[in-house]
N, C-alpha and C. Protein backbone atom coordinates (compact mmCIF):
# COMPACT_ATOMS: atom_id res chain seq x y z
N ILE A 1 0.87 -1.18 0.00
CA ILE A 1 0.00 0.00 0.00
C ILE A 1 0.90 1.23 0.00
N SER A 2 0.59 2.18 -0.80
CA SER A 2 1.34 3.43 -0.86
C SER A 2 0.50 4.55 -0.28
N LEU A 3 1.16 5.53 0.29
CA LEU A 3 0.44 6.71 0.78
C LEU A 3 -0.24 7.42 -0.37
N ASN A 4 -1.36 8.01 -0.07
CA ASN A 4 -2.12 8.80 -1.04
C ASN A 4 -2.55 8.00 -2.26
N SER A 5 -2.79 6.71 -2.07
CA SER A 5 -3.31 5.89 -3.17
C SER A 5 -4.37 4.96 -2.61
N SER A 6 -5.24 4.49 -3.47
CA SER A 6 -6.30 3.57 -3.06
C SER A 6 -5.90 2.16 -3.44
N THR A 7 -5.97 1.25 -2.47
CA THR A 7 -5.63 -0.14 -2.71
C THR A 7 -6.61 -1.00 -1.92
N ALA A 8 -7.09 -2.04 -2.54
CA ALA A 8 -7.93 -2.99 -1.81
C ALA A 8 -7.04 -3.74 -0.84
N ILE A 9 -7.49 -3.88 0.39
CA ILE A 9 -6.67 -4.57 1.39
C ILE A 9 -7.29 -5.89 1.77
N SER A 10 -6.41 -6.78 2.26
CA SER A 10 -6.88 -8.07 2.75
C SER A 10 -7.30 -7.88 4.20
N ALA A 11 -7.62 -8.94 4.88
CA ALA A 11 -8.08 -8.88 6.26
C ALA A 11 -7.05 -8.22 7.18
N SER A 12 -5.78 -8.41 6.91
CA SER A 12 -4.74 -7.82 7.73
C SER A 12 -3.63 -7.33 6.80
N GLN A 13 -3.40 -6.03 6.80
CA GLN A 13 -2.43 -5.44 5.89
C GLN A 13 -1.45 -4.57 6.69
N ALA A 14 -0.15 -4.75 6.49
CA ALA A 14 0.87 -3.93 7.15
C ALA A 14 1.17 -2.71 6.30
N VAL A 15 1.32 -1.58 6.97
CA VAL A 15 1.66 -0.32 6.30
C VAL A 15 2.82 0.30 7.04
N THR A 16 3.85 0.68 6.30
CA THR A 16 4.99 1.37 6.90
C THR A 16 5.06 2.78 6.32
N ILE A 17 5.17 3.76 7.20
CA ILE A 17 5.30 5.15 6.78
C ILE A 17 6.69 5.62 7.22
N THR A 18 7.46 6.13 6.29
CA THR A 18 8.83 6.55 6.58
C THR A 18 8.98 8.05 6.36
N ASN A 19 9.55 8.73 7.33
CA ASN A 19 9.86 10.15 7.19
C ASN A 19 11.38 10.32 7.31
N PRO A 20 12.03 10.87 6.30
CA PRO A 20 13.47 11.10 6.40
C PRO A 20 13.75 12.24 7.39
N LEU A 21 14.83 12.12 8.13
CA LEU A 21 15.25 13.17 9.04
C LEU A 21 16.37 13.96 8.39
N THR A 22 16.29 15.27 8.48
CA THR A 22 17.31 16.14 7.91
C THR A 22 18.11 16.74 9.04
N ALA A 23 19.42 16.54 9.00
CA ALA A 23 20.29 17.09 10.04
C ALA A 23 20.34 18.61 9.93
N PRO A 24 20.39 19.30 11.07
CA PRO A 24 20.50 20.76 11.02
C PRO A 24 21.89 21.17 10.53
N ASN A 25 21.98 22.38 10.01
CA ASN A 25 23.28 22.90 9.59
C ASN A 25 24.10 23.23 10.83
N ALA A 26 25.33 22.78 10.84
CA ALA A 26 26.23 23.02 11.97
C ALA A 26 26.66 24.48 12.00
N ALA A 27 26.96 24.96 13.19
CA ALA A 27 27.43 26.33 13.37
C ALA A 27 28.46 26.36 14.49
N GLN A 28 29.18 27.46 14.59
CA GLN A 28 30.13 27.64 15.68
C GLN A 28 30.25 29.13 15.99
N LEU A 29 30.70 29.43 17.20
CA LEU A 29 31.00 30.80 17.59
C LEU A 29 32.51 30.97 17.61
N ASN A 30 33.00 32.04 17.01
CA ASN A 30 34.41 32.39 17.06
C ASN A 30 34.52 33.64 17.92
N ILE A 31 35.24 33.54 19.02
CA ILE A 31 35.25 34.59 20.04
C ILE A 31 36.63 35.25 20.09
N THR A 32 36.64 36.57 20.06
CA THR A 32 37.88 37.33 20.14
C THR A 32 37.81 38.26 21.34
N LYS A 33 38.91 38.36 22.07
CA LYS A 33 38.98 39.26 23.23
C LYS A 33 39.61 40.57 22.78
N LEU A 34 38.92 41.68 23.05
CA LEU A 34 39.44 43.02 22.77
C LEU A 34 39.49 43.82 24.07
N TYR A 35 40.34 44.83 24.08
CA TYR A 35 40.43 45.73 25.23
C TYR A 35 40.10 47.14 24.77
N SER A 36 39.23 47.82 25.51
CA SER A 36 38.99 49.23 25.22
C SER A 36 39.86 50.04 26.18
N GLY A 37 40.33 51.19 25.73
CA GLY A 37 41.13 52.05 26.58
C GLY A 37 42.59 51.67 26.65
N ASP A 38 43.02 50.70 25.83
CA ASP A 38 44.44 50.33 25.81
C ASP A 38 45.22 51.38 25.03
N THR A 39 46.50 51.45 25.25
CA THR A 39 47.35 52.44 24.61
C THR A 39 48.45 51.76 23.81
N VAL A 40 49.22 52.54 23.08
CA VAL A 40 50.40 52.03 22.38
C VAL A 40 51.61 52.63 23.07
N PRO A 41 52.54 51.86 23.62
CA PRO A 41 52.50 50.40 23.64
C PRO A 41 51.41 49.88 24.58
N SER A 42 50.99 48.65 24.34
CA SER A 42 49.89 48.05 25.10
C SER A 42 50.24 47.94 26.58
N LYS A 43 49.24 48.16 27.41
CA LYS A 43 49.39 47.97 28.87
C LYS A 43 49.27 46.50 29.26
N VAL A 44 48.84 45.64 28.31
CA VAL A 44 48.73 44.21 28.58
C VAL A 44 50.09 43.59 28.28
N THR A 45 50.84 43.26 29.32
CA THR A 45 52.19 42.72 29.11
C THR A 45 52.18 41.19 29.03
N THR A 46 51.19 40.53 29.65
CA THR A 46 50.99 39.09 29.52
C THR A 46 49.51 38.86 29.26
N GLN A 47 49.19 38.21 28.15
CA GLN A 47 47.79 37.97 27.80
C GLN A 47 47.16 36.99 28.78
N PRO A 48 45.95 37.28 29.25
CA PRO A 48 45.25 36.39 30.17
C PRO A 48 44.57 35.23 29.45
N THR A 49 44.15 34.25 30.23
CA THR A 49 43.29 33.18 29.74
C THR A 49 41.85 33.62 29.98
N ILE A 50 41.03 33.47 28.96
CA ILE A 50 39.64 33.91 29.00
C ILE A 50 38.73 32.69 29.04
N GLY A 51 37.81 32.64 29.99
CA GLY A 51 36.79 31.59 30.05
C GLY A 51 35.48 32.15 29.52
N VAL A 52 34.81 31.40 28.66
CA VAL A 52 33.56 31.85 28.05
C VAL A 52 32.53 30.74 28.11
N GLN A 53 31.29 31.14 28.38
CA GLN A 53 30.16 30.20 28.38
C GLN A 53 29.11 30.71 27.39
N ALA A 54 28.56 29.81 26.61
CA ALA A 54 27.43 30.12 25.72
C ALA A 54 26.26 29.24 26.14
N VAL A 55 25.14 29.86 26.45
CA VAL A 55 23.91 29.12 26.75
C VAL A 55 23.01 29.29 25.54
N CYS A 56 22.76 28.16 24.85
CA CYS A 56 22.09 28.21 23.54
C CYS A 56 20.73 27.53 23.59
N SER A 57 19.84 28.01 22.72
CA SER A 57 18.44 27.57 22.73
C SER A 57 18.25 26.12 22.31
N ILE A 58 19.16 25.57 21.52
CA ILE A 58 19.03 24.18 21.07
C ILE A 58 20.15 23.32 21.64
N SER A 59 21.37 23.81 21.58
CA SER A 59 22.55 23.01 21.96
C SER A 59 22.85 23.00 23.45
N GLY A 60 22.18 23.85 24.21
CA GLY A 60 22.42 23.89 25.64
C GLY A 60 23.65 24.73 26.00
N THR A 61 24.29 24.37 27.10
CA THR A 61 25.43 25.14 27.60
C THR A 61 26.74 24.57 27.06
N LYS A 62 27.55 25.46 26.50
CA LYS A 62 28.87 25.10 25.97
C LYS A 62 29.89 26.06 26.56
N THR A 63 31.12 25.57 26.78
CA THR A 63 32.17 26.42 27.33
C THR A 63 33.46 26.26 26.54
N THR A 64 34.30 27.26 26.66
CA THR A 64 35.65 27.20 26.10
C THR A 64 36.54 28.15 26.88
N SER A 65 37.83 27.96 26.75
CA SER A 65 38.79 28.94 27.26
C SER A 65 39.89 29.08 26.22
N PHE A 66 40.47 30.28 26.18
CA PHE A 66 41.51 30.57 25.19
C PHE A 66 42.36 31.72 25.71
N THR A 67 43.52 31.87 25.12
CA THR A 67 44.42 32.96 25.48
C THR A 67 44.04 34.18 24.66
N ALA A 68 43.88 35.32 25.34
CA ALA A 68 43.58 36.56 24.61
C ALA A 68 44.66 36.77 23.56
N GLY A 69 44.28 37.31 22.44
CA GLY A 69 45.20 37.45 21.32
C GLY A 69 45.03 36.34 20.30
N THR A 70 44.30 35.28 20.70
CA THR A 70 43.94 34.21 19.78
C THR A 70 42.42 34.19 19.69
N THR A 71 41.86 33.26 18.95
CA THR A 71 40.40 33.15 18.82
C THR A 71 39.92 31.90 19.54
N GLY A 72 38.94 32.06 20.41
CA GLY A 72 38.29 30.93 21.06
C GLY A 72 37.14 30.46 20.20
N THR A 73 36.88 29.16 20.21
CA THR A 73 35.82 28.61 19.37
C THR A 73 34.90 27.72 20.20
N ILE A 74 33.61 27.89 20.01
CA ILE A 74 32.61 26.99 20.58
C ILE A 74 31.93 26.31 19.41
N THR A 75 32.07 24.99 19.34
CA THR A 75 31.51 24.21 18.24
C THR A 75 30.29 23.42 18.72
N GLY A 76 29.69 22.68 17.80
CA GLY A 76 28.55 21.84 18.15
C GLY A 76 27.25 22.62 18.27
N LEU A 77 27.18 23.76 17.61
CA LEU A 77 25.98 24.58 17.64
C LEU A 77 25.15 24.35 16.37
N VAL A 78 23.93 24.86 16.38
CA VAL A 78 23.00 24.68 15.27
C VAL A 78 22.69 26.05 14.66
N GLN A 79 22.79 26.13 13.34
CA GLN A 79 22.49 27.37 12.64
C GLN A 79 21.08 27.82 12.96
N GLY A 80 20.93 29.09 13.32
CA GLY A 80 19.62 29.66 13.60
C GLY A 80 19.24 29.70 15.06
N GLU A 81 19.97 28.96 15.92
CA GLU A 81 19.63 29.03 17.34
C GLU A 81 20.17 30.33 17.93
N THR A 82 19.69 30.68 19.12
CA THR A 82 20.17 31.87 19.81
C THR A 82 21.02 31.45 20.99
N CYS A 83 22.07 32.23 21.26
CA CYS A 83 22.98 31.94 22.37
C CYS A 83 23.24 33.21 23.16
N THR A 84 23.35 33.08 24.47
CA THR A 84 23.79 34.16 25.34
C THR A 84 25.22 33.84 25.74
N VAL A 85 26.14 34.75 25.42
CA VAL A 85 27.57 34.52 25.66
C VAL A 85 28.02 35.36 26.85
N THR A 86 28.74 34.72 27.78
CA THR A 86 29.22 35.38 28.98
C THR A 86 30.69 35.06 29.20
N GLU A 87 31.47 36.08 29.52
CA GLU A 87 32.86 35.84 29.94
C GLU A 87 32.80 35.38 31.39
N THR A 88 33.30 34.18 31.66
CA THR A 88 33.19 33.61 33.00
C THR A 88 34.45 33.78 33.83
N ALA A 89 35.60 34.01 33.16
CA ALA A 89 36.85 34.15 33.90
C ALA A 89 37.87 34.89 33.04
N ILE A 90 38.73 35.63 33.71
CA ILE A 90 39.88 36.25 33.07
C ILE A 90 41.02 36.09 34.07
N THR A 91 41.96 35.21 33.76
CA THR A 91 43.00 34.86 34.72
C THR A 91 44.39 34.94 34.09
N GLY A 92 45.37 35.27 34.92
CA GLY A 92 46.77 35.19 34.51
C GLY A 92 47.29 36.36 33.73
N GLY A 93 46.48 37.34 33.43
CA GLY A 93 46.96 38.49 32.66
C GLY A 93 47.78 39.43 33.53
N VAL A 94 48.77 40.06 32.92
CA VAL A 94 49.59 41.04 33.63
C VAL A 94 49.45 42.37 32.90
N LEU A 95 49.13 43.42 33.67
CA LEU A 95 48.96 44.76 33.11
C LEU A 95 50.01 45.69 33.69
N ALA A 96 50.47 46.63 32.89
CA ALA A 96 51.47 47.60 33.34
C ALA A 96 50.80 48.90 33.78
N GLY A 97 51.54 49.70 34.52
CA GLY A 97 51.11 51.06 34.83
C GLY A 97 49.90 51.18 35.71
N GLY A 98 49.59 50.18 36.53
CA GLY A 98 48.45 50.26 37.44
C GLY A 98 47.11 49.99 36.80
N TYR A 99 47.09 49.60 35.52
CA TYR A 99 45.83 49.28 34.85
C TYR A 99 45.23 48.02 35.46
N THR A 100 43.89 47.93 35.40
CA THR A 100 43.17 46.72 35.82
C THR A 100 42.13 46.37 34.75
N PHE A 101 41.70 45.12 34.75
CA PHE A 101 40.63 44.72 33.84
C PHE A 101 39.31 45.18 34.40
N GLY A 102 38.50 45.85 33.57
CA GLY A 102 37.18 46.30 33.99
C GLY A 102 36.12 45.28 33.66
N ALA A 103 34.87 45.67 33.82
CA ALA A 103 33.73 44.79 33.53
C ALA A 103 33.70 44.47 32.04
N THR A 104 33.17 43.30 31.71
CA THR A 104 33.13 42.84 30.31
C THR A 104 31.81 43.16 29.66
N SER A 105 31.81 43.14 28.34
CA SER A 105 30.58 43.25 27.56
C SER A 105 30.75 42.40 26.31
N ALA A 106 29.64 41.96 25.74
CA ALA A 106 29.67 41.16 24.52
C ALA A 106 28.97 41.92 23.42
N ALA A 107 29.48 41.77 22.22
CA ALA A 107 28.85 42.43 21.06
C ALA A 107 28.51 41.39 20.02
């Protein structure tokens, strides 16, 4: 028996309906750490390690850490989902001239 067709059936007839599943398109976040208010030469003498968390609508919570000056990546995401990204830690950085790291923001 086929879907959307008429067929005479016997007393007991088996019907199988198959729906193909389509995998979602994969996505990733590429995260870069920037400093506002830095000068030339830079006041950052040793780049810190940055911890980042993304809470996503489909993929759930994902984390990564990376050294500032490089790009951090969070993989295993789904195209079209929404994520809230938060810097969770900034450790090991050395600043010159009495500078300190201020509050973070994401763009």
